[in-house]
């Protein structure tokens, strides 16, 4: 069983010692990233994307820590965009993409194979290009040669996991300018302010009993986490959260979105990771009545259900009431089965503001969980080894 050092979470000096790449500090710059990205995007000619004309379609290419950029644009555009927005992680680029379409490729380093390959193929076909990433990179070079728009990410951005808003903000501005989504510039100011609030609430000097991210980290420790979103917006945050738990805290986590994921998650409540599951449960085998539940039972993690909830719909509708009832039913079933339940609900605001709040909380929580478990959140020897083994292939 993993052991979380709770006392270490409330010692800023100890946190600083363990956090060798200053991941917490980098996450706290999210609001500043938004403000900087607005300036860089304006100076970089974001208004020239697709030559200022609405494209026939939009394809977004992003991988790894940058993948959430594509997920966010797709989620925001789905209800009202007049043109389709699709996501690609790598080649092949859909055969119908051509000069009437826009391809957005995102990579912090500007060197990720998938986005670079997609951008290169889009340029070959004459599609309009928007690229976001490091200057003086293969991605920026492709964009400049194709007369696309490249937006740099500024200096000091070491990881896509902690540089989300440097990557996402230009894409949101482009989507607004082309009429695909409704994210006017004042909303970006509200996003930056909400991110600043989360950074203050989750700061290292804030003790566990009042720090929402530390509270989540403590509750998730010694669990097998399942992160659920109660709808499309919270579903994007849930997917991001599961990725952060895996990549930052090294905790395998699954995610889902209601209503689709309700049955598969509830089915797990009958399994070995809840109070009612375990060896012999629902199998017809008689449990050993002489077994000591403390000495004979092997220690194992408990199922942890983290429910990310969007702000309530006001005024409520029949659809929102049904969705809320399903969420409450899943949570009630989880508690009855003995799962550890954690809830987080976004405050009211524009959809991007609400999404920013949920993602910031879970980003900080995953980092505190890593630090509490004695894991460096920014350095994974196995990831480095994988890169060494696959470089040049």
Protein backbone atom coordinates (compact mmCIF):
# COMPACT_ATOMS: atom_id res chain seq x y z
CA UNK A 1 0.00 0.00 0.00
CA UNK A 2 1.35 3.46 -0.78
CA UNK A 3 1.97 5.74 2.17
CA UNK A 4 1.23 9.45 2.01
CA UNK A 5 3.25 11.71 4.29
CA UNK A 6 0.55 14.13 5.43
CA UNK A 7 2.86 16.14 7.64
CA UNK A 8 5.17 16.78 4.71
CA UNK A 9 2.34 18.40 2.76
CA UNK A 10 2.15 21.17 5.36
CA UNK A 11 5.87 21.87 5.41
CA UNK A 12 6.69 24.39 2.61
CA UNK A 13 10.43 23.74 2.96
CA UNK A 14 9.96 19.99 2.61
CA UNK A 15 7.67 20.48 -0.38
CA UNK A 16 10.28 22.71 -2.02
CA UNK A 17 12.95 20.06 -1.41
CA UNK A 18 10.87 17.32 -3.02
CA UNK A 19 9.58 19.48 -5.89
CA UNK A 20 12.90 19.67 -7.73
CA UNK A 21 11.50 21.30 -10.90
CA UNK A 22 9.12 23.66 -9.06
CA UNK A 23 5.97 22.10 -10.48
CA UNK A 24 3.75 23.84 -7.90
CA UNK A 25 5.22 27.22 -8.82
CA UNK A 26 4.69 26.50 -12.52
CA UNK A 27 1.04 25.56 -11.94
CA UNK A 28 0.55 28.79 -9.99
CA UNK A 29 1.50 30.81 -13.09
CA UNK A 30 -1.60 29.66 -14.98
CA UNK A 31 -3.33 33.04 -14.70
CA UNK A 32 -0.17 34.80 -15.86
CA UNK A 33 0.05 32.35 -18.76
CA UNK A 34 -3.38 33.46 -19.97
CA UNK A 35 -2.41 37.15 -19.86
CA UNK A 36 0.93 36.55 -21.57
CA UNK A 37 -0.65 34.35 -24.24
CA UNK A 38 -3.24 37.04 -25.07
CA UNK A 39 -0.39 39.48 -25.72
CA UNK A 40 1.70 37.01 -27.71
CA UNK A 41 -1.32 35.95 -29.77
CA UNK A 42 -2.26 39.51 -30.62
CA UNK A 43 1.31 40.35 -31.58
CA UNK A 44 1.61 37.11 -33.54
CA UNK A 45 -1.37 37.90 -35.77
CA UNK A 46 -4.03 35.60 -34.37
CA UNK A 47 -6.60 37.62 -36.34
CA UNK A 48 -4.97 36.39 -39.58
CA UNK A 49 -5.77 32.72 -38.91
CA UNK A 50 -7.39 31.14 -41.98
CA UNK A 51 -6.87 34.53 -43.64
CA UNK A 52 -9.65 35.93 -41.49
CA UNK A 53 -12.33 33.77 -43.15
CA UNK A 54 -14.33 30.96 -41.63
CA UNK A 55 -12.92 27.61 -42.80
CA UNK A 56 -14.97 24.69 -44.06
CA UNK A 57 -13.76 22.57 -41.14
CA UNK A 58 -11.17 22.56 -38.36
CA UNK A 59 -8.80 19.73 -37.43
CA UNK A 60 -6.85 19.96 -34.16
CA UNK A 61 -3.68 17.92 -33.62
CA UNK A 62 -2.28 17.60 -30.08
CA UNK A 63 -0.66 14.83 -28.03
CA UNK A 64 0.21 14.01 -24.44
CA UNK A 65 -0.01 16.92 -22.03
CA UNK A 66 -1.18 19.14 -24.88
CA UNK A 67 -4.07 16.85 -25.86
CA UNK A 68 -6.55 18.64 -23.60
CA UNK A 69 -6.29 21.69 -25.89
CA UNK A 70 -8.02 19.73 -28.64
CA UNK A 71 -10.55 18.30 -26.19
CA UNK A 72 -11.51 21.76 -24.92
CA UNK A 73 -11.99 23.26 -28.39
CA UNK A 74 -14.03 20.27 -29.54
CA UNK A 75 -16.24 20.43 -26.42
CA UNK A 76 -16.87 24.17 -26.73
CA UNK A 77 -17.54 24.05 -30.47
CA UNK A 78 -19.84 21.03 -30.51
CA UNK A 79 -23.08 22.75 -29.45
CA UNK A 80 -22.92 25.80 -31.72
CA UNK A 81 -20.04 25.81 -34.20
CA UNK A 82 -21.22 26.29 -37.80
CA UNK A 83 -18.39 24.05 -39.01
CA UNK A 84 -17.18 20.66 -37.75
CA UNK A 85 -14.22 20.48 -35.34
CA UNK A 86 -12.39 17.16 -35.18
CA UNK A 87 -9.38 15.89 -33.25
CA UNK A 88 -6.36 13.99 -34.57
CA UNK A 89 -3.43 12.77 -32.49
CA UNK A 90 -1.29 11.79 -35.46
CA UNK A 91 -1.37 10.94 -39.14
CA UNK A 92 -3.21 10.12 -41.27
CA UNK A 93 -4.78 13.50 -41.86
CA UNK A 94 -8.35 12.94 -43.10
CA UNK A 95 -8.44 12.69 -46.88
CA UNK A 96 -10.97 15.51 -47.24
CA UNK A 97 -8.69 18.15 -45.68
CA UNK A 98 -7.63 20.71 -48.27
CA UNK A 99 -7.27 24.43 -49.02
CA UNK A 100 -10.69 25.29 -47.54
CA UNK A 101 -9.89 23.84 -44.13
CA UNK A 102 -7.92 24.93 -41.05
CA UNK A 103 -5.47 22.68 -39.24
CA UNK A 104 -4.36 23.60 -35.71
CA UNK A 105 -1.22 21.86 -34.45
CA UNK A 106 -0.11 22.26 -30.83
CA UNK A 107 3.17 21.16 -29.25
CA UNK A 108 4.99 22.98 -26.45
CA UNK A 109 8.42 21.99 -27.77
CA UNK A 110 7.34 22.29 -31.38
CA UNK A 111 8.90 18.87 -31.96
CA UNK A 112 6.21 16.29 -31.09
CA UNK A 113 6.07 13.84 -33.99
CA UNK A 114 2.27 13.72 -34.35
CA UNK A 115 1.46 17.47 -34.54
CA UNK A 116 4.56 18.15 -36.66
CA UNK A 117 3.62 15.42 -39.14
CA UNK A 118 0.01 16.61 -39.31
CA UNK A 119 1.12 20.22 -39.87
CA UNK A 120 3.54 19.18 -42.59
CA UNK A 121 0.86 17.19 -44.43
CA UNK A 122 -1.65 20.03 -44.04
CA UNK A 123 0.85 22.48 -45.52
CA UNK A 124 1.47 20.11 -48.45
CA UNK A 125 -2.27 20.11 -49.19
CA UNK A 126 -2.56 23.88 -48.95
CA UNK A 127 -4.71 23.98 -45.81
CA UNK A 128 -4.61 27.03 -43.57
CA UNK A 129 -2.36 26.52 -40.52
CA UNK A 130 -2.32 27.70 -36.93
CA UNK A 131 0.53 26.33 -34.86
CA UNK A 132 1.25 26.92 -31.17
CA UNK A 133 4.57 26.05 -29.57
CA UNK A 134 8.19 27.01 -29.20
CA UNK A 135 9.79 29.44 -31.60
CA UNK A 136 12.71 28.17 -33.70
CA UNK A 137 11.18 24.70 -33.84
CA UNK A 138 10.17 22.38 -36.71
CA UNK A 139 6.52 23.27 -36.06
CA UNK A 140 7.10 27.02 -36.36
CA UNK A 141 9.24 26.51 -39.46
CA UNK A 142 6.49 24.53 -41.21
CA UNK A 143 3.93 27.18 -40.35
CA UNK A 144 6.05 30.09 -41.56
CA UNK A 145 6.87 28.33 -44.85
CA UNK A 146 3.17 27.65 -45.44
CA UNK A 147 2.25 31.28 -44.60
CA UNK A 148 0.36 30.11 -41.57
CA UNK A 149 0.19 31.74 -38.15
CA UNK A 150 2.55 30.57 -35.43
CA UNK A 151 2.07 31.69 -31.82
CA UNK A 152 5.02 31.26 -29.49
CA UNK A 153 4.64 30.21 -25.87
CA UNK A 154 7.14 32.50 -24.20
CA UNK A 155 10.13 31.47 -22.12
CA UNK A 156 10.42 29.20 -19.13
CA UNK A 157 7.71 26.72 -20.18
CA UNK A 158 9.30 23.38 -19.34
CA UNK A 159 6.33 20.98 -19.45
CA UNK A 160 3.05 20.88 -21.34
CA UNK A 161 1.38 19.65 -18.14
CA UNK A 162 2.18 22.94 -16.40
CA UNK A 163 1.87 25.17 -19.49
CA UNK A 164 -1.71 24.37 -20.47
CA UNK A 165 -2.93 27.96 -20.68
CA UNK A 166 0.02 29.10 -22.80
CA UNK A 167 -1.11 26.50 -25.34
CA UNK A 168 -4.87 26.78 -24.97
CA UNK A 169 -5.37 30.56 -24.94
CA UNK A 170 -4.27 31.18 -28.57
CA UNK A 171 -6.57 28.39 -29.76
CA UNK A 172 -9.51 29.88 -27.86
CA UNK A 173 -8.78 33.31 -29.35
CA UNK A 174 -8.65 31.85 -32.84
CA UNK A 175 -11.91 29.96 -32.30
CA UNK A 176 -13.61 33.14 -31.10
CA UNK A 177 -12.28 35.17 -34.03
CA UNK A 178 -13.58 32.65 -36.55
CA UNK A 179 -17.01 32.42 -34.90
CA UNK A 180 -16.59 28.79 -33.83
CA UNK A 181 -16.94 29.38 -30.08
CA UNK A 182 -18.08 32.16 -27.77
CA UNK A 183 -15.03 33.18 -25.74
CA UNK A 184 -14.69 36.99 -25.96
CA UNK A 185 -11.52 38.55 -24.58
CA UNK A 186 -13.10 39.69 -21.31
CA UNK A 187 -13.79 36.01 -20.54
CA UNK A 188 -10.07 35.30 -20.75
CA UNK A 189 -9.57 37.94 -18.08
CA UNK A 190 -12.13 36.12 -15.92
CA UNK A 191 -10.32 32.83 -16.57
CA UNK A 192 -7.03 34.37 -15.43
CA UNK A 193 -8.69 35.73 -12.27
CA UNK A 194 -10.26 32.34 -11.42
CA UNK A 195 -6.91 30.62 -11.95
CA UNK A 196 -5.25 33.14 -9.64
CA UNK A 197 -7.89 32.36 -6.99
CA UNK A 198 -7.21 28.63 -7.28
CA UNK A 199 -3.46 29.18 -7.08
CA UNK A 200 -3.93 31.18 -3.88
CA UNK A 201 -6.27 28.61 -2.32
CA UNK A 202 -3.90 25.75 -3.23
CA UNK A 203 -0.62 27.46 -2.29
CA UNK A 204 1.97 25.35 -0.42
CA UNK A 205 1.71 27.45 2.77
CA UNK A 206 -2.03 26.76 3.03
CA UNK A 207 -2.56 23.89 5.49
CA UNK A 208 -4.29 20.66 4.53
CA UNK A 209 -7.53 21.28 6.42
CA UNK A 210 -8.24 24.42 4.33
CA UNK A 211 -6.31 23.70 1.12
CA UNK A 212 -8.75 22.04 -1.33
CA UNK A 213 -6.01 20.39 -3.41
CA UNK A 214 -4.24 18.92 -0.38
CA UNK A 215 -7.58 17.63 0.90
CA UNK A 216 -8.21 15.85 -2.40
CA UNK A 217 -4.67 14.44 -2.40
CA UNK A 218 -5.09 13.01 1.11
CA UNK A 219 -8.44 11.48 0.20
CA UNK A 220 -7.13 9.94 -3.02
CA UNK A 221 -4.11 8.36 -1.34
CA UNK A 222 -4.42 4.58 -0.95
CA UNK A 223 -7.24 4.42 -3.49
CA UNK A 224 -7.69 3.17 -7.01
CA UNK A 225 -9.08 6.41 -8.46
CA UNK A 226 -11.94 6.76 -10.89
CA UNK A 227 -12.59 10.34 -12.00
CA UNK A 228 -16.06 11.11 -13.31
CA UNK A 229 -17.42 14.26 -14.92
CA UNK A 230 -21.13 14.94 -14.63
CA UNK A 231 -21.38 16.18 -18.22
CA UNK A 232 -19.36 17.25 -21.25
CA UNK A 233 -17.50 20.11 -19.58
CA UNK A 234 -16.63 18.22 -16.40
CA UNK A 235 -15.82 15.20 -18.58
CA UNK A 236 -12.95 17.13 -20.19
CA UNK A 237 -11.70 18.01 -16.71
CA UNK A 238 -12.02 14.36 -15.65
CA UNK A 239 -9.92 13.18 -18.58
CA UNK A 240 -7.27 15.78 -17.76
CA UNK A 241 -7.36 14.75 -14.10
CA UNK A 242 -6.82 11.06 -14.86
CA UNK A 243 -3.87 11.94 -17.10
CA UNK A 244 -2.33 14.15 -14.39
CA UNK A 245 -2.75 11.46 -11.74
CA UNK A 246 -0.94 8.97 -13.98
CA UNK A 247 1.80 11.23 -15.32
CA UNK A 248 2.41 13.33 -12.21
CA UNK A 249 1.52 11.12 -9.22
CA UNK A 250 2.19 7.78 -11.01
CA UNK A 251 -1.24 6.57 -9.90
CA UNK A 252 -3.15 4.58 -12.54
CA UNK A 253 -6.52 6.28 -12.90
CA UNK A 254 -9.52 5.88 -15.16
CA UNK A 255 -12.02 8.51 -16.15
CA UNK A 256 -15.51 8.74 -17.53
CA UNK A 257 -18.32 11.11 -18.36
CA UNK A 258 -21.94 10.84 -17.33
CA UNK A 259 -24.37 9.60 -18.44
CA UNK A 260 -22.41 7.16 -20.64
CA UNK A 261 -20.00 5.90 -17.98
CA UNK A 262 -22.57 5.36 -15.21
CA UNK A 263 -23.07 1.62 -15.67
CA UNK A 264 -19.41 0.66 -16.05
CA UNK A 265 -18.45 2.65 -12.94
CA UNK A 266 -21.31 1.38 -10.80
CA UNK A 267 -20.44 -2.19 -11.84
CA UNK A 268 -17.04 -1.74 -10.14
CA UNK A 269 -18.81 -1.28 -6.80
CA UNK A 270 -19.41 -5.05 -6.76
CA UNK A 271 -15.70 -5.77 -7.19
CA UNK A 272 -12.74 -6.35 -4.90
CA UNK A 273 -11.98 -2.66 -4.21
CA UNK A 274 -15.10 -1.85 -2.18
CA UNK A 275 -16.31 -3.00 1.23
CA UNK A 276 -18.90 -5.29 -0.31
CA UNK A 277 -16.56 -6.90 -2.85
CA UNK A 278 -13.54 -9.14 -2.54
CA UNK A 279 -12.74 -12.81 -2.65
CA UNK A 280 -15.84 -14.93 -2.61
CA UNK A 281 -18.22 -12.07 -3.30
CA UNK A 282 -20.96 -13.03 -5.75
CA UNK A 283 -19.14 -16.23 -6.63
CA UNK A 284 -21.08 -18.74 -4.56
CA UNK A 285 -17.99 -19.52 -2.43
CA UNK A 286 -18.32 -19.43 1.34
CA UNK A 287 -16.02 -16.93 3.04
CA UNK A 288 -13.64 -18.33 5.69
CA UNK A 289 -15.47 -17.68 8.99
CA UNK A 290 -12.23 -18.19 10.95
CA UNK A 291 -10.27 -15.59 8.99
CA UNK A 292 -9.09 -12.56 10.96
CA UNK A 293 -10.11 -9.53 8.87
CA UNK A 294 -7.09 -7.60 10.13
CA UNK A 295 -4.36 -10.24 10.06
CA UNK A 296 -5.42 -12.48 7.19
CA UNK A 297 -6.72 -9.96 4.69
CA UNK A 298 -3.97 -8.56 2.45
CA UNK A 299 -3.81 -4.76 2.44
CA UNK A 300 -5.22 -3.40 -0.76
CA UNK A 301 -6.27 -0.01 -2.02
CA UNK A 302 -9.87 1.08 -1.90
CA UNK A 303 -11.90 2.36 -4.83
CA UNK A 304 -11.87 6.16 -4.88
CA UNK A 305 -14.56 7.98 -6.85
CA UNK A 306 -13.82 11.62 -7.59
CA UNK A 307 -16.87 13.36 -9.03
CA UNK A 308 -16.24 16.62 -10.85
CA UNK A 309 -19.47 18.59 -11.10
CA UNK A 310 -20.28 21.55 -13.30
CA UNK A 311 -22.07 24.55 -11.78
CA UNK A 312 -25.84 23.95 -11.43
CA UNK A 313 -28.01 25.11 -14.31
CA UNK A 314 -30.07 28.19 -13.39
CA UNK A 315 -32.98 28.06 -13.90
CA UNK A 316 -33.08 24.25 -13.85
CA UNK A 317 -34.52 22.33 -16.78
CA UNK A 318 -35.94 18.85 -17.11
CA UNK A 319 -32.65 17.71 -18.66
CA UNK A 320 -30.52 19.28 -15.92
CA UNK A 321 -32.74 17.78 -13.21
CA UNK A 322 -32.38 14.32 -14.76
CA UNK A 323 -28.60 14.71 -15.04
CA UNK A 324 -28.32 15.84 -11.41
CA UNK A 325 -30.47 12.92 -10.26
CA UNK A 326 -28.19 10.47 -12.08
CA UNK A 327 -25.08 12.02 -10.52
CA UNK A 328 -26.62 11.85 -7.05
CA UNK A 329 -27.64 8.23 -7.64
CA UNK A 330 -24.10 7.23 -8.66
CA UNK A 331 -22.67 8.96 -5.60
CA UNK A 332 -25.23 7.36 -3.29
CA UNK A 333 -24.50 3.92 -4.68
CA UNK A 334 -20.75 4.50 -4.29
CA UNK A 335 -21.08 5.49 -0.64
CA UNK A 336 -23.34 2.52 0.11
CA UNK A 337 -20.77 0.19 -1.46
CA UNK A 338 -17.97 1.56 0.69
CA UNK A 339 -16.09 3.51 -1.96
CA UNK A 340 -14.26 6.65 -0.91
CA UNK A 341 -16.14 9.57 -2.50
CA UNK A 342 -14.74 13.02 -3.28
CA UNK A 343 -16.83 15.77 -4.84
CA UNK A 344 -15.81 19.07 -6.37
CA UNK A 345 -18.28 21.52 -7.91
CA UNK A 346 -17.33 24.49 -10.07
CA UNK A 347 -18.60 27.93 -9.14
CA UNK A 348 -20.80 29.83 -11.59
CA UNK A 349 -19.24 31.57 -14.58
CA UNK A 350 -18.53 31.23 -18.27
CA UNK A 351 -17.93 27.59 -19.33
CA UNK A 352 -14.19 28.19 -19.79
CA UNK A 353 -13.99 29.79 -16.35
CA UNK A 354 -15.72 26.82 -14.76
CA UNK A 355 -13.48 24.39 -16.64
CA UNK A 356 -10.37 26.31 -15.55
CA UNK A 357 -11.39 25.98 -11.90
CA UNK A 358 -11.90 22.22 -12.07
CA UNK A 359 -8.69 21.56 -13.99
CA UNK A 360 -6.59 23.79 -11.73
CA UNK A 361 -7.83 22.00 -8.62
CA UNK A 362 -7.03 18.54 -9.95
CA UNK A 363 -3.65 19.66 -11.36
CA UNK A 364 -2.61 20.86 -7.89
CA UNK A 365 -4.11 17.77 -6.23
CA UNK A 366 -2.15 15.38 -8.45
CA UNK A 367 1.05 17.28 -7.69
CA UNK A 368 0.48 17.26 -3.92
CA UNK A 369 -0.33 13.56 -4.11
CA UNK A 370 2.98 12.93 -5.87
CA UNK A 371 4.92 14.95 -3.29
CA UNK A 372 3.13 13.28 -0.39
CA UNK A 373 4.01 9.86 -1.80
CA UNK A 374 7.65 10.87 -2.18
CA UNK A 375 7.47 10.99 -5.99
CA UNK A 376 9.09 13.77 -7.99
CA UNK A 377 6.15 15.13 -10.03
CA UNK A 378 8.33 16.28 -12.93
CA UNK A 379 10.86 13.46 -13.30
CA UNK A 380 9.97 9.91 -14.34
CA UNK A 381 12.94 7.58 -14.99
CA UNK A 382 10.73 5.17 -16.92
CA UNK A 383 9.43 7.91 -19.23
CA UNK A 384 13.00 9.04 -19.85
CA UNK A 385 14.00 5.44 -20.58
CA UNK A 386 11.10 5.03 -23.00
CA UNK A 387 12.17 8.15 -24.87
CA UNK A 388 15.74 6.87 -25.07
CA UNK A 389 14.57 3.51 -26.41
CA UNK A 390 12.31 5.02 -29.07
CA UNK A 391 14.38 8.03 -30.17
CA UNK A 392 15.28 7.88 -33.80
CA UNK A 393 12.67 5.23 -34.61
